[in-house]
Amino acid sequence: MYPDATIPTLQLSIDYYKPAQYHYDLAKQLSSLRKKGVLIIGSGNMVHNLGRTDFSKPDQGEDWALELNEIFKTKILNGDHKALIEYEKLHASAKLAVPTPDHYYPLLYS
């Protein structure tokens, strides 16, 4: 993306024990870095449950995962940050899609 590596880069770790609101608030504080040319990238996956993955169907997703993924995308496009912070309340399948928040929290930063 930036072959000359002229973009400041800093790796951050997710505090697994902090709630989503904490991560969102920290991300808001870090957002001022964007104005200074710092690129903020989040890596993870909004829907991440390898324990429930059926590897015999590599081209198919579970209905609950596809549905929640669409809900997340709609909330992102609409800028509905409150719903994304309170993702557990979005749908009954949220616990299946996000069994642990460490893969979800990077979304709140990016």
PDB file of N, CA and C in Angstrom:
ATOM      1  N   MET A   1       0.816  -1.179   0.000  1.00  0.00           N
ATOM      2  CA  MET A   1       0.000   0.000   0.000  1.00  0.00           C
ATOM      3  C   MET A   1       0.870   1.258   0.000  1.00  0.00           C
ATOM      4  N   TYR A   2       1.915   1.260   0.805  1.00  0.00           N
ATOM      5  CA  TYR A   2       2.858   2.367   0.857  1.00  0.00           C
ATOM      6  C   TYR A   2       4.262   1.780   0.725  1.00  0.00           C
ATOM      7  N   PRO A   3       4.696   1.507  -0.495  1.00  0.00           N
ATOM      8  CA  PRO A   3       5.973   0.797  -0.698  1.00  0.00           C
ATOM      9  C   PRO A   3       7.200   1.541  -0.191  1.00  0.00           C
ATOM     10  N   ASP A   4       7.123   2.860  -0.073  1.00  0.00           N
ATOM     11  CA  ASP A   4       8.268   3.618   0.432  1.00  0.00           C
ATOM     12  C   ASP A   4       8.302   3.676   1.959  1.00  0.00           C
ATOM     13  N   ALA A   5       7.298   3.090   2.588  1.00  0.00           N
ATOM     14  CA  ALA A   5       7.212   3.034   4.056  1.00  0.00           C
ATOM     15  C   ALA A   5       7.369   4.413   4.691  1.00  0.00           C
ATOM     16  N   THR A   6       6.664   5.382   4.138  1.00  0.00           N
ATOM     17  CA  THR A   6       6.744   6.750   4.653  1.00  0.00           C
ATOM     18  C   THR A   6       5.614   7.079   5.627  1.00  0.00           C
ATOM     19  N   ILE A   7       4.801   6.087   5.941  1.00  0.00           N
ATOM     20  CA  ILE A   7       3.675   6.289   6.849  1.00  0.00           C
ATOM     21  C   ILE A   7       4.079   5.818   8.249  1.00  0.00           C
ATOM     22  N   PRO A   8       3.927   6.682   9.271  1.00  0.00           N
ATOM     23  CA  PRO A   8       4.253   6.236  10.628  1.00  0.00           C
ATOM     24  C   PRO A   8       3.407   5.016  11.011  1.00  0.00           C
ATOM     25  N   THR A   9       4.035   4.061  11.625  1.00  0.00           N
ATOM     26  CA  THR A   9       3.359   2.819  11.989  1.00  0.00           C
ATOM     27  C   THR A   9       3.642   2.478  13.442  1.00  0.00           C
ATOM     28  N   LEU A  10       2.595   2.092  14.134  1.00  0.00           N
ATOM     29  CA  LEU A  10       2.720   1.692  15.530  1.00  0.00           C
ATOM     30  C   LEU A  10       1.742   0.552  15.775  1.00  0.00           C
ATOM     31  N   GLN A  11       2.209  -0.524  16.329  1.00  0.00           N
ATOM     32  CA  GLN A  11       1.347  -1.656  16.638  1.00  0.00           C
ATOM     33  C   GLN A  11       0.764  -1.485  18.032  1.00  0.00           C
ATOM     34  N   LEU A  12      -0.532  -1.670  18.142  1.00  0.00           N
ATOM     35  CA  LEU A  12      -1.207  -1.593  19.436  1.00  0.00           C
ATOM     36  C   LEU A  12      -1.778  -2.960  19.791  1.00  0.00           C
ATOM     37  N   SER A  13      -1.830  -3.254  21.042  1.00  0.00           N
ATOM     38  CA  SER A  13      -2.444  -4.489  21.505  1.00  0.00           C
ATOM     39  C   SER A  13      -3.815  -4.179  22.082  1.00  0.00           C
ATOM     40  N   ILE A  14      -4.697  -5.143  22.000  1.00  0.00           N
ATOM     41  CA  ILE A  14      -6.044  -5.012  22.531  1.00  0.00           C
ATOM     42  C   ILE A  14      -6.042  -5.505  23.979  1.00  0.00           C
ATOM     43  N   ASP A  15      -6.615  -4.719  24.864  1.00  0.00           N
ATOM     44  CA  ASP A  15      -6.776  -5.163  26.240  1.00  0.00           C
ATOM     45  C   ASP A  15      -8.066  -5.971  26.305  1.00  0.00           C
ATOM     46  N   TYR A  16      -7.905  -7.256  26.307  1.00  0.00           N
ATOM     47  CA  TYR A  16      -9.016  -8.198  26.269  1.00  0.00           C
ATOM     48  C   TYR A  16     -10.006  -7.984  27.417  1.00  0.00           C
ATOM     49  N   TYR A  17      -9.539  -7.473  28.521  1.00  0.00           N
ATOM     50  CA  TYR A  17     -10.372  -7.358  29.717  1.00  0.00           C
ATOM     51  C   TYR A  17     -11.155  -6.053  29.797  1.00  0.00           C
ATOM     52  N   LYS A  18     -10.905  -5.141  28.893  1.00  0.00           N
ATOM     53  CA  LYS A  18     -11.637  -3.873  28.888  1.00  0.00           C
ATOM     54  C   LYS A  18     -12.884  -4.004  28.010  1.00  0.00           C
ATOM     55  N   PRO A  19     -13.936  -3.287  28.344  1.00  0.00           N
ATOM     56  CA  PRO A  19     -15.175  -3.365  27.554  1.00  0.00           C
ATOM     57  C   PRO A  19     -15.068  -2.592  26.232  1.00  0.00           C
ATOM     58  N   ALA A  20     -16.029  -2.826  25.376  1.00  0.00           N
ATOM     59  CA  ALA A  20     -16.047  -2.187  24.056  1.00  0.00           C
ATOM     60  C   ALA A  20     -16.033  -0.666  24.161  1.00  0.00           C
ATOM     61  N   GLN A  21     -16.754  -0.101  25.119  1.00  0.00           N
ATOM     62  CA  GLN A  21     -16.795   1.357  25.266  1.00  0.00           C
ATOM     63  C   GLN A  21     -15.398   1.924  25.527  1.00  0.00           C
ATOM     64  N   TYR A  22     -14.615   1.233  26.331  1.00  0.00           N
ATOM     65  CA  TYR A  22     -13.239   1.658  26.600  1.00  0.00           C
ATOM     66  C   TYR A  22     -12.450   1.747  25.290  1.00  0.00           C
ATOM     67  N   HIS A  23     -12.565   0.727  24.461  1.00  0.00           N
ATOM     68  CA  HIS A  23     -11.818   0.703  23.204  1.00  0.00           C
ATOM     69  C   HIS A  23     -12.299   1.793  22.248  1.00  0.00           C
ATOM     70  N   TYR A  24     -13.594   2.012  22.213  1.00  0.00           N
ATOM     71  CA  TYR A  24     -14.130   3.071  21.365  1.00  0.00           C
ATOM     72  C   TYR A  24     -13.625   4.437  21.832  1.00  0.00           C
ATOM     73  N   ASP A  25     -13.651   4.674  23.133  1.00  0.00           N
ATOM     74  CA  ASP A  25     -13.181   5.960  23.676  1.00  0.00           C
ATOM     75  C   ASP A  25     -11.694   6.172  23.396  1.00  0.00           C
ATOM     76  N   LEU A  26     -10.907   5.129  23.536  1.00  0.00           N
ATOM     77  CA  LEU A  26      -9.481   5.229  23.224  1.00  0.00           C
ATOM     78  C   LEU A  26      -9.278   5.503  21.738  1.00  0.00           C
ATOM     79  N   ALA A  27     -10.058   4.859  20.918  1.00  0.00           N
ATOM     80  CA  ALA A  27      -9.964   5.086  19.469  1.00  0.00           C
ATOM     81  C   ALA A  27     -10.289   6.535  19.116  1.00  0.00           C
ATOM     82  N   LYS A  28     -11.256   7.122  19.790  1.00  0.00           N
ATOM     83  CA  LYS A  28     -11.590   8.530  19.544  1.00  0.00           C
ATOM     84  C   LYS A  28     -10.396   9.425  19.869  1.00  0.00           C
ATOM     85  N   GLN A  29      -9.682   9.094  20.948  1.00  0.00           N
ATOM     86  CA  GLN A  29      -8.499   9.880  21.303  1.00  0.00           C
ATOM     87  C   GLN A  29      -7.402   9.716  20.250  1.00  0.00           C
ATOM     88  N   LEU A  30      -7.259   8.517  19.738  1.00  0.00           N
ATOM     89  CA  LEU A  30      -6.228   8.254  18.727  1.00  0.00           C
ATOM     90  C   LEU A  30      -6.582   8.832  17.361  1.00  0.00           C
ATOM     91  N   SER A  31      -7.856   9.113  17.134  1.00  0.00           N
ATOM     92  CA  SER A  31      -8.277   9.582  15.811  1.00  0.00           C
ATOM     93  C   SER A  31      -7.604  10.894  15.404  1.00  0.00           C
ATOM     94  N   SER A  32      -7.173  11.691  16.369  1.00  0.00           N
ATOM     95  CA  SER A  32      -6.487  12.944  16.025  1.00  0.00           C
ATOM     96  C   SER A  32      -5.163  12.676  15.306  1.00  0.00           C
ATOM     97  N   LEU A  33      -4.616  11.489  15.478  1.00  0.00           N
ATOM     98  CA  LEU A  33      -3.379  11.138  14.779  1.00  0.00           C
ATOM     99  C   LEU A  33      -3.573  11.095  13.270  1.00  0.00           C
ATOM    100  N   ARG A  34      -4.787  10.807  12.821  1.00  0.00           N
ATOM    101  CA  ARG A  34      -5.059  10.766  11.377  1.00  0.00           C
ATOM    102  C   ARG A  34      -4.770  12.118  10.735  1.00  0.00           C
ATOM    103  N   LYS A  35      -5.076  13.190  11.462  1.00  0.00           N
ATOM    104  CA  LYS A  35      -4.832  14.526  10.938  1.00  0.00           C
ATOM    105  C   LYS A  35      -3.338  14.809  10.804  1.00  0.00           C
ATOM    106  N   LYS A  36      -2.533  14.022  11.509  1.00  0.00           N
ATOM    107  CA  LYS A  36      -1.083  14.177  11.453  1.00  0.00           C
ATOM    108  C   LYS A  36      -0.448  13.190  10.470  1.00  0.00           C
ATOM    109  N   GLY A  37      -1.292  12.493   9.704  1.00  0.00           N
ATOM    110  CA  GLY A  37      -0.777  11.587   8.696  1.00  0.00           C
ATOM    111  C   GLY A  37      -0.515  10.168   9.161  1.00  0.00           C
ATOM    112  N   VAL A  38      -0.995   9.827  10.346  1.00  0.00           N
ATOM    113  CA  VAL A  38      -0.811   8.466  10.847  1.00  0.00           C
ATOM    114  C   VAL A  38      -1.963   7.614  10.335  1.00  0.00           C
ATOM    115  N   LEU A  39      -1.633   6.499   9.740  1.00  0.00           N
ATOM    116  CA  LEU A  39      -2.621   5.572   9.221  1.00  0.00           C
ATOM    117  C   LEU A  39      -3.015   4.594  10.319  1.00  0.00           C
ATOM    118  N   ILE A  40      -4.312   4.457  10.552  1.00  0.00           N
ATOM    119  CA  ILE A  40      -4.811   3.537  11.566  1.00  0.00           C
ATOM    120  C   ILE A  40      -5.491   2.376  10.860  1.00  0.00           C
ATOM    121  N   ILE A  41      -4.987   1.181  11.106  1.00  0.00           N
ATOM    122  CA  ILE A  41      -5.534  -0.027  10.492  1.00  0.00           C
ATOM    123  C   ILE A  41      -5.919  -0.987  11.606  1.00  0.00           C
ATOM    124  N   GLY A  42      -7.055  -1.610  11.459  1.00  0.00           N
ATOM    125  CA  GLY A  42      -7.473  -2.632  12.416  1.00  0.00           C
ATOM    126  C   GLY A  42      -7.434  -3.992  11.735  1.00  0.00           C
ATOM    127  N   SER A  43      -6.895  -4.965  12.420  1.00  0.00           N
ATOM    128  CA  SER A  43      -6.924  -6.316  11.868  1.00  0.00           C
ATOM    129  C   SER A  43      -7.721  -7.202  12.813  1.00  0.00           C
ATOM    130  N   GLY A  44      -8.523  -8.017  12.243  1.00  0.00           N
ATOM    131  CA  GLY A  44      -9.395  -8.880  13.019  1.00  0.00           C
ATOM    132  C   GLY A  44     -10.511  -9.339  12.113  1.00  0.00           C
ATOM    133  N   ASN A  45     -11.641  -9.624  12.686  1.00  0.00           N
ATOM    134  CA  ASN A  45     -12.784 -10.057  11.896  1.00  0.00           C
ATOM    135  C   ASN A  45     -14.030  -9.845  12.736  1.00  0.00           C
ATOM    136  N   MET A  46     -14.995  -9.156  12.162  1.00  0.00           N
ATOM    137  CA  MET A  46     -16.219  -8.881  12.909  1.00  0.00           C
ATOM    138  C   MET A  46     -16.929 -10.171  13.291  1.00  0.00           C
ATOM    139  N   VAL A  47     -16.970 -11.116  12.389  1.00  0.00           N
ATOM    140  CA  VAL A  47     -17.590 -12.416  12.648  1.00  0.00           C
ATOM    141  C   VAL A  47     -16.460 -13.429  12.679  1.00  0.00           C
ATOM    142  N   HIS A  48     -16.203 -13.970  13.864  1.00  0.00           N
ATOM    143  CA  HIS A  48     -15.026 -14.826  14.016  1.00  0.00           C
ATOM    144  C   HIS A  48     -15.322 -15.930  15.029  1.00  0.00           C
ATOM    145  N   ASN A  49     -15.624 -17.104  14.517  1.00  0.00           N
ATOM    146  CA  ASN A  49     -15.845 -18.236  15.403  1.00  0.00           C
ATOM    147  C   ASN A  49     -15.336 -19.494  14.710  1.00  0.00           C
ATOM    148  N   LEU A  50     -14.042 -19.719  14.780  1.00  0.00           N
ATOM    149  CA  LEU A  50     -13.448 -20.874  14.111  1.00  0.00           C
ATOM    150  C   LEU A  50     -13.949 -22.189  14.694  1.00  0.00           C
ATOM    151  N   GLY A  51     -14.347 -22.178  15.941  1.00  0.00           N
ATOM    152  CA  GLY A  51     -14.857 -23.388  16.570  1.00  0.00           C
ATOM    153  C   GLY A  51     -16.158 -23.881  15.961  1.00  0.00           C
ATOM    154  N   ARG A  52     -16.891 -22.985  15.313  1.00  0.00           N
ATOM    155  CA  ARG A  52     -18.165 -23.352  14.684  1.00  0.00           C
ATOM    156  C   ARG A  52     -18.062 -23.425  13.171  1.00  0.00           C
ATOM    157  N   THR A  53     -16.860 -23.283  12.644  1.00  0.00           N
ATOM    158  CA  THR A  53     -16.662 -23.310  11.198  1.00  0.00           C
ATOM    159  C   THR A  53     -16.758 -24.734  10.677  1.00  0.00           C
ATOM    160  N   ASP A  54     -17.490 -24.897   9.592  1.00  0.00           N
ATOM    161  CA  ASP A  54     -17.593 -26.194   8.932  1.00  0.00           C
ATOM    162  C   ASP A  54     -16.638 -26.162   7.739  1.00  0.00           C
ATOM    163  N   PHE A  55     -15.440 -26.686   7.939  1.00  0.00           N
ATOM    164  CA  PHE A  55     -14.411 -26.638   6.907  1.00  0.00           C
ATOM    165  C   PHE A  55     -14.721 -27.534   5.712  1.00  0.00           C
ATOM    166  N   SER A  56     -15.747 -28.378   5.827  1.00  0.00           N
ATOM    167  CA  SER A  56     -16.143 -29.205   4.684  1.00  0.00           C
ATOM    168  C   SER A  56     -16.953 -28.397   3.679  1.00  0.00           C
ATOM    169  N   LYS A  57     -17.329 -27.171   4.037  1.00  0.00           N
ATOM    170  CA  LYS A  57     -18.095 -26.283   3.159  1.00  0.00           C
ATOM    171  C   LYS A  57     -17.345 -24.957   3.001  1.00  0.00           C
ATOM    172  N   PRO A  58     -16.218 -24.976   2.303  1.00  0.00           N
ATOM    173  CA  PRO A  58     -15.387 -23.764   2.251  1.00  0.00           C
ATOM    174  C   PRO A  58     -16.032 -22.569   1.542  1.00  0.00           C
ATOM    175  N   ASP A  59     -17.046 -22.804   0.728  1.00  0.00           N
ATOM    176  CA  ASP A  59     -17.675 -21.709  -0.015  1.00  0.00           C
ATOM    177  C   ASP A  59     -19.001 -21.269   0.586  1.00  0.00           C
ATOM    178  N   GLN A  60     -19.310 -21.757   1.787  1.00  0.00           N
ATOM    179  CA  GLN A  60     -20.579 -21.418   2.428  1.00  0.00           C
ATOM    180  C   GLN A  60     -20.322 -20.874   3.829  1.00  0.00           C
ATOM    181  N   GLY A  61     -21.191 -20.008   4.222  1.00  0.00           N
ATOM    182  CA  GLY A  61     -21.138 -19.511   5.583  1.00  0.00           C
ATOM    183  C   GLY A  61     -22.400 -19.905   6.318  1.00  0.00           C
ATOM    184  N   GLU A  62     -22.340 -19.905   7.615  1.00  0.00           N
ATOM    185  CA  GLU A  62     -23.522 -20.198   8.423  1.00  0.00           C
ATOM    186  C   GLU A  62     -24.507 -19.036   8.299  1.00  0.00           C
ATOM    187  N   ASP A  63     -25.788 -19.343   8.315  1.00  0.00           N
ATOM    188  CA  ASP A  63     -26.810 -18.303   8.179  1.00  0.00           C
ATOM    189  C   ASP A  63     -26.656 -17.206   9.230  1.00  0.00           C
ATOM    190  N   TRP A  64     -26.395 -17.599  10.484  1.00  0.00           N
ATOM    191  CA  TRP A  64     -26.253 -16.618  11.554  1.00  0.00           C
ATOM    192  C   TRP A  64     -25.058 -15.702  11.319  1.00  0.00           C
ATOM    193  N   ALA A  65     -23.976 -16.256  10.759  1.00  0.00           N
ATOM    194  CA  ALA A  65     -22.775 -15.451  10.507  1.00  0.00           C
ATOM    195  C   ALA A  65     -23.014 -14.471   9.367  1.00  0.00           C
ATOM    196  N   LEU A  66     -23.637 -14.938   8.309  1.00  0.00           N
ATOM    197  CA  LEU A  66     -23.921 -14.064   7.165  1.00  0.00           C
ATOM    198  C   LEU A  66     -24.884 -12.949   7.561  1.00  0.00           C
ATOM    199  N   GLU A  67     -25.891 -13.302   8.344  1.00  0.00           N
ATOM    200  CA  GLU A  67     -26.873 -12.306   8.774  1.00  0.00           C
ATOM    201  C   GLU A  67     -26.230 -11.239   9.656  1.00  0.00           C
ATOM    202  N   LEU A  68     -25.450 -11.655  10.624  1.00  0.00           N
ATOM    203  CA  LEU A  68     -24.829 -10.679  11.514  1.00  0.00           C
ATOM    204  C   LEU A  68     -23.787  -9.841  10.771  1.00  0.00           C
ATOM    205  N   ASN A  69     -23.079 -10.442   9.834  1.00  0.00           N
ATOM    206  CA  ASN A  69     -22.123  -9.691   9.029  1.00  0.00           C
ATOM    207  C   ASN A  69     -22.831  -8.557   8.274  1.00  0.00           C
ATOM    208  N   GLU A  70     -23.995  -8.844   7.723  1.00  0.00           N
ATOM    209  CA  GLU A  70     -24.766  -7.807   7.026  1.00  0.00           C
ATOM    210  C   GLU A  70     -25.230  -6.715   7.989  1.00  0.00           C
ATOM    211  N   ILE A  71     -25.635  -7.108   9.187  1.00  0.00           N
ATOM    212  CA  ILE A  71     -26.044  -6.121  10.199  1.00  0.00           C
ATOM    213  C   ILE A  71     -24.861  -5.217  10.540  1.00  0.00           C
ATOM    214  N   PHE A  72     -23.695  -5.818  10.760  1.00  0.00           N
ATOM    215  CA  PHE A  72     -22.497  -5.017  11.059  1.00  0.00           C
ATOM    216  C   PHE A  72     -22.202  -4.040   9.921  1.00  0.00           C
ATOM    217  N   LYS A  73     -22.232  -4.524   8.689  1.00  0.00           N
ATOM    218  CA  LYS A  73     -21.926  -3.653   7.546  1.00  0.00           C
ATOM    219  C   LYS A  73     -22.902  -2.490   7.472  1.00  0.00           C
ATOM    220  N   THR A  74     -24.172  -2.751   7.703  1.00  0.00           N
ATOM    221  CA  THR A  74     -25.175  -1.682   7.669  1.00  0.00           C
ATOM    222  C   THR A  74     -24.906  -0.650   8.763  1.00  0.00           C
ATOM    223  N   LYS A  75     -24.581  -1.120   9.958  1.00  0.00           N
ATOM    224  CA  LYS A  75     -24.298  -0.202  11.064  1.00  0.00           C
ATOM    225  C   LYS A  75     -23.052   0.641  10.773  1.00  0.00           C
ATOM    226  N   ILE A  76     -22.045   0.023  10.170  1.00  0.00           N
ATOM    227  CA  ILE A  76     -20.827   0.759   9.815  1.00  0.00           C
ATOM    228  C   ILE A  76     -21.155   1.837   8.787  1.00  0.00           C
ATOM    229  N   LEU A  77     -21.854   1.468   7.724  1.00  0.00           N
ATOM    230  CA  LEU A  77     -22.186   2.423   6.663  1.00  0.00           C
ATOM    231  C   LEU A  77     -23.074   3.559   7.156  1.00  0.00           C
ATOM    232  N   ASN A  78     -23.916   3.265   8.146  1.00  0.00           N
ATOM    233  CA  ASN A  78     -24.800   4.292   8.698  1.00  0.00           C
ATOM    234  C   ASN A  78     -24.153   5.089   9.829  1.00  0.00           C
ATOM    235  N   GLY A  79     -22.918   4.733  10.197  1.00  0.00           N
ATOM    236  CA  GLY A  79     -22.232   5.446  11.280  1.00  0.00           C
ATOM    237  C   GLY A  79     -22.886   5.229  12.635  1.00  0.00           C
ATOM    238  N   ASP A  80     -23.531   4.102  12.812  1.00  0.00           N
ATOM    239  CA  ASP A  80     -24.215   3.800  14.069  1.00  0.00           C
ATOM    240  C   ASP A  80     -23.218   3.211  15.064  1.00  0.00           C
ATOM    241  N   HIS A  81     -22.390   4.066  15.617  1.00  0.00           N
ATOM    242  CA  HIS A  81     -21.322   3.633  16.516  1.00  0.00           C
ATOM    243  C   HIS A  81     -21.862   3.022  17.797  1.00  0.00           C
ATOM    244  N   LYS A  82     -22.945   3.572  18.323  1.00  0.00           N
ATOM    245  CA  LYS A  82     -23.508   3.044  19.566  1.00  0.00           C
ATOM    246  C   LYS A  82     -23.889   1.575  19.400  1.00  0.00           C
ATOM    247  N   ALA A  83     -24.516   1.246  18.293  1.00  0.00           N
ATOM    248  CA  ALA A  83     -24.910  -0.148  18.048  1.00  0.00           C
ATOM    249  C   ALA A  83     -23.684  -1.041  17.910  1.00  0.00           C
ATOM    250  N   LEU A  84     -22.627  -0.527  17.300  1.00  0.00           N
ATOM    251  CA  LEU A  84     -21.402  -1.313  17.144  1.00  0.00           C
ATOM    252  C   LEU A  84     -20.691  -1.523  18.477  1.00  0.00           C
ATOM    253  N   ILE A  85     -20.762  -0.533  19.341  1.00  0.00           N
ATOM    254  CA  ILE A  85     -20.179  -0.674  20.677  1.00  0.00           C
ATOM    255  C   ILE A  85     -20.968  -1.714  21.467  1.00  0.00           C
ATOM    256  N   GLU A  86     -22.268  -1.663  21.344  1.00  0.00           N
ATOM    257  CA  GLU A  86     -23.147  -2.588  22.070  1.00  0.00           C
ATOM    258  C   GLU A  86     -23.540  -3.766  21.179  1.00  0.00           C
ATOM    259  N   TYR A  87     -22.566  -4.324  20.485  1.00  0.00           N
ATOM    260  CA  TYR A  87     -22.822  -5.353  19.475  1.00  0.00           C
ATOM    261  C   TYR A  87     -23.558  -6.575  20.020  1.00  0.00           C
ATOM    262  N   GLU A  88     -23.410  -6.854  21.308  1.00  0.00           N
ATOM    263  CA  GLU A  88     -24.078  -8.025  21.889  1.00  0.00           C
ATOM    264  C   GLU A  88     -25.601  -7.893  21.818  1.00  0.00           C
ATOM    265  N   LYS A  89     -26.098  -6.652  21.729  1.00  0.00           N
ATOM    266  CA  LYS A  89     -27.537  -6.399  21.696  1.00  0.00           C
ATOM    267  C   LYS A  89     -28.109  -6.400  20.281  1.00  0.00           C
ATOM    268  N   LEU A  90     -27.260  -6.487  19.271  1.00  0.00           N
ATOM    269  CA  LEU A  90     -27.724  -6.383  17.891  1.00  0.00           C
ATOM    270  C   LEU A  90     -28.574  -7.556  17.437  1.00  0.00           C
ATOM    271  N   HIS A  91     -28.228  -8.736  17.879  1.00  0.00           N
ATOM    272  CA  HIS A  91     -28.873  -9.932  17.358  1.00  0.00           C
ATOM    273  C   HIS A  91     -28.590 -11.091  18.299  1.00  0.00           C
ATOM    274  N   ALA A  92     -29.493 -12.049  18.323  1.00  0.00           N
ATOM    275  CA  ALA A  92     -29.314 -13.206  19.200  1.00  0.00           C
ATOM    276  C   ALA A  92     -28.048 -13.988  18.859  1.00  0.00           C
ATOM    277  N   SER A  93     -27.605 -13.936  17.630  1.00  0.00           N
ATOM    278  CA  SER A  93     -26.424 -14.698  17.215  1.00  0.00           C
ATOM    279  C   SER A  93     -25.105 -13.978  17.474  1.00  0.00           C
ATOM    280  N   ALA A  94     -25.145 -12.817  18.116  1.00  0.00           N
ATOM    281  CA  ALA A  94     -23.906 -12.073  18.368  1.00  0.00           C
ATOM    282  C   ALA A  94     -22.911 -12.893  19.185  1.00  0.00           C
ATOM    283  N   LYS A  95     -23.396 -13.667  20.133  1.00  0.00           N
ATOM    284  CA  LYS A  95     -22.487 -14.495  20.957  1.00  0.00           C
ATOM    285  C   LYS A  95     -21.825 -15.586  20.115  1.00  0.00           C
ATOM    286  N   LEU A  96     -22.522 -16.076  19.100  1.00  0.00           N
ATOM    287  CA  LEU A  96     -21.923 -17.066  18.188  1.00  0.00           C
ATOM    288  C   LEU A  96     -20.879 -16.400  17.295  1.00  0.00           C
ATOM    289  N   ALA A  97     -21.218 -15.236  16.786  1.00  0.00           N
ATOM    290  CA  ALA A  97     -20.345 -14.542  15.837  1.00  0.00           C
ATOM    291  C   ALA A  97     -19.115 -13.950  16.501  1.00  0.00           C
ATOM    292  N   VAL A  98     -19.269 -13.512  17.744  1.00  0.00           N
ATOM    293  CA  VAL A  98     -18.175 -12.877  18.469  1.00  0.00           C
ATOM    294  C   VAL A  98     -18.044 -13.579  19.825  1.00  0.00           C
ATOM    295  N   PRO A  99     -17.497 -14.799  19.827  1.00  0.00           N
ATOM    296  CA  PRO A  99     -17.389 -15.517  21.096  1.00  0.00           C
ATOM    297  C   PRO A  99     -16.376 -14.887  22.053  1.00  0.00           C
ATOM    298  N   THR A 100     -15.359 -14.238  21.494  1.00  0.00           N
ATOM    299  CA  THR A 100     -14.411 -13.454  22.280  1.00  0.00           C
ATOM    300  C   THR A 100     -14.202 -12.143  21.533  1.00  0.00           C
ATOM    301  N   PRO A 101     -14.098 -11.031  22.236  1.00  0.00           N
ATOM    302  CA  PRO A 101     -14.090  -9.729  21.562  1.00  0.00           C
ATOM    303  C   PRO A 101     -12.764  -9.311  20.940  1.00  0.00           C
ATOM    304  N   ASP A 102     -11.690 -10.043  21.163  1.00  0.00           N
ATOM    305  CA  ASP A 102     -10.376  -9.592  20.700  1.00  0.00           C
ATOM    306  C   ASP A 102     -10.284  -9.455  19.186  1.00  0.00           C
ATOM    307  N   HIS A 103     -11.078 -10.198  18.435  1.00  0.00           N
ATOM    308  CA  HIS A 103     -11.070 -10.056  16.977  1.00  0.00           C
ATOM    309  C   HIS A 103     -12.049  -8.981  16.509  1.00  0.00           C
ATOM    310  N   TYR A 104     -12.978  -8.606  17.359  1.00  0.00           N
ATOM    311  CA  TYR A 104     -13.976  -7.598  17.018  1.00  0.00           C
ATOM    312  C   TYR A 104     -13.506  -6.181  17.344  1.00  0.00           C
ATOM    313  N   TYR A 105     -12.823  -6.011  18.471  1.00  0.00           N
ATOM    314  CA  TYR A 105     -12.448  -4.670  18.924  1.00  0.00           C
ATOM    315  C   TYR A 105     -11.653  -3.833  17.919  1.00  0.00           C
ATOM    316  N   PRO A 106     -10.798  -4.419  17.076  1.00  0.00           N
ATOM    317  CA  PRO A 106     -10.100  -3.566  16.099  1.00  0.00           C
ATOM    318  C   PRO A 106     -11.040  -2.750  15.203  1.00  0.00           C
ATOM    319  N   LEU A 107     -12.245  -3.256  14.986  1.00  0.00           N
ATOM    320  CA  LEU A 107     -13.233  -2.497  14.221  1.00  0.00           C
ATOM    321  C   LEU A 107     -13.500  -1.151  14.870  1.00  0.00           C
ATOM    322  N   LEU A 108     -13.562  -1.121  16.181  1.00  0.00           N
ATOM    323  CA  LEU A 108     -13.866   0.119  16.892  1.00  0.00           C
ATOM    324  C   LEU A 108     -12.750   1.157  16.733  1.00  0.00           C
ATOM    325  N   TYR A 109     -11.568   0.705  16.460  1.00  0.00           N
ATOM    326  CA  TYR A 109     -10.437   1.625  16.231  1.00  0.00           C
ATOM    327  C   TYR A 109     -10.406   2.127  14.805  1.00  0.00           C
ATOM    328  N   SER A 110     -10.699   1.261  13.873  1.00  0.00           N
ATOM    329  CA  SER A 110     -10.589   1.669  12.467  1.00  0.00           C
ATOM    330  C   SER A 110     -11.856   2.340  11.980  1.00  0.00           C
TER     331      SER A 110
END
